Amino acid sequence: MTLEKLDNLVRIKQLKPEPPDQREFDGMVASAKRRLQDASLNGLSEEGRFS
């Protein structure tokens, strides 16, 4: 989806803009790194089993 389409959804009030949150972003990056590490293992971490 393009930014233009997202902006249109905000304009017609189908989406609400949210301010950026560095802590939330950092958490998502950390989670993605763990999952990438899991992908190379024969088994998954406990966290990976539930996602």
C-alpha atoms as a PDB file:
ATOM      1  CA  MET A   1       0.000   0.000   0.000  1.00  0.00           C
ATOM      2  CA  THR A   2       1.350   3.396  -0.921  1.00  0.00           C
ATOM      3  CA  LEU A   3       1.598   6.396   1.361  1.00  0.00           C
ATOM      4  CA  GLU A   4      -0.934   8.146  -0.874  1.00  0.00           C
ATOM      5  CA  LYS A   5      -3.498   5.423  -0.167  1.00  0.00           C
ATOM      6  CA  LEU A   6      -2.765   5.544   3.553  1.00  0.00           C
ATOM      7  CA  ASP A   7      -3.071   9.339   3.568  1.00  0.00           C
ATOM      8  CA  ASN A   8      -6.430   9.005   1.821  1.00  0.00           C
ATOM      9  CA  LEU A   9      -7.653   6.611   4.522  1.00  0.00           C
ATOM     10  CA  VAL A  10      -6.615   9.147   7.169  1.00  0.00           C
ATOM     11  CA  ARG A  11      -8.383  11.920   5.261  1.00  0.00           C
ATOM     12  CA  ILE A  12     -11.672   9.974   5.140  1.00  0.00           C
ATOM     13  CA  LYS A  13     -11.224   8.997   8.817  1.00  0.00           C
ATOM     14  CA  GLN A  14     -10.798   5.274   8.170  1.00  0.00           C
ATOM     15  CA  LEU A  15      -7.361   5.415   9.839  1.00  0.00           C
ATOM     16  CA  LYS A  16      -6.157   7.513  12.729  1.00  0.00           C
ATOM     17  CA  PRO A  17      -2.617   8.918  12.546  1.00  0.00           C
ATOM     18  CA  GLU A  18      -0.399   7.891  15.457  1.00  0.00           C
ATOM     19  CA  PRO A  19       2.768   9.621  16.619  1.00  0.00           C
ATOM     20  CA  PRO A  20       5.973   7.593  16.325  1.00  0.00           C
ATOM     21  CA  ASP A  21       7.039   5.663  19.429  1.00  0.00           C
ATOM     22  CA  GLN A  22      10.758   4.845  19.623  1.00  0.00           C
ATOM     23  CA  ARG A  23      10.288   2.253  22.385  1.00  0.00           C
ATOM     24  CA  GLU A  24       7.659   0.403  20.347  1.00  0.00           C
ATOM     25  CA  PHE A  25       9.895   0.518  17.252  1.00  0.00           C
ATOM     26  CA  ASP A  26      12.909  -0.781  19.192  1.00  0.00           C
ATOM     27  CA  GLY A  27      10.796  -3.623  20.589  1.00  0.00           C
ATOM     28  CA  MET A  28       9.672  -4.635  17.107  1.00  0.00           C
ATOM     29  CA  VAL A  29      13.249  -4.626  15.809  1.00  0.00           C
ATOM     30  CA  ALA A  30      14.411  -6.738  18.766  1.00  0.00           C
ATOM     31  CA  SER A  31      11.553  -9.181  18.172  1.00  0.00           C
ATOM     32  CA  ALA A  32      12.401  -9.472  14.476  1.00  0.00           C
ATOM     33  CA  LYS A  33      16.060 -10.156  15.294  1.00  0.00           C
ATOM     34  CA  ARG A  34      15.055 -12.985  17.655  1.00  0.00           C
ATOM     35  CA  ARG A  35      12.838 -14.534  14.995  1.00  0.00           C
ATOM     36  CA  LEU A  36      15.600 -14.349  12.411  1.00  0.00           C
ATOM     37  CA  GLN A  37      17.902 -16.171  14.815  1.00  0.00           C
ATOM     38  CA  ASP A  38      15.191 -18.782  15.419  1.00  0.00           C
ATOM     39  CA  ALA A  39      14.874 -19.390  11.699  1.00  0.00           C
ATOM     40  CA  SER A  40      18.361 -20.908  11.649  1.00  0.00           C
ATOM     41  CA  LEU A  41      17.705 -23.275  14.576  1.00  0.00           C
ATOM     42  CA  ASN A  42      16.312 -26.793  14.439  1.00  0.00           C
ATOM     43  CA  GLY A  43      13.944 -25.897  17.287  1.00  0.00           C
ATOM     44  CA  LEU A  44      12.279 -22.647  18.221  1.00  0.00           C
ATOM     45  CA  SER A  45      12.623 -20.505  21.318  1.00  0.00           C
ATOM     46  CA  GLU A  46       9.641 -20.461  23.688  1.00  0.00           C
ATOM     47  CA  GLU A  47       8.707 -17.048  22.347  1.00  0.00           C
ATOM     48  CA  GLY A  48       8.825 -18.360  18.796  1.00  0.00           C
ATOM     49  CA  ARG A  49       6.452 -21.205  19.595  1.00  0.00           C
ATOM     50  CA  PHE A  50       3.640 -18.800  20.422  1.00  0.00           C
ATOM     51  CA  SER A  51       4.000 -16.312  17.587  1.00  0.00           C
END
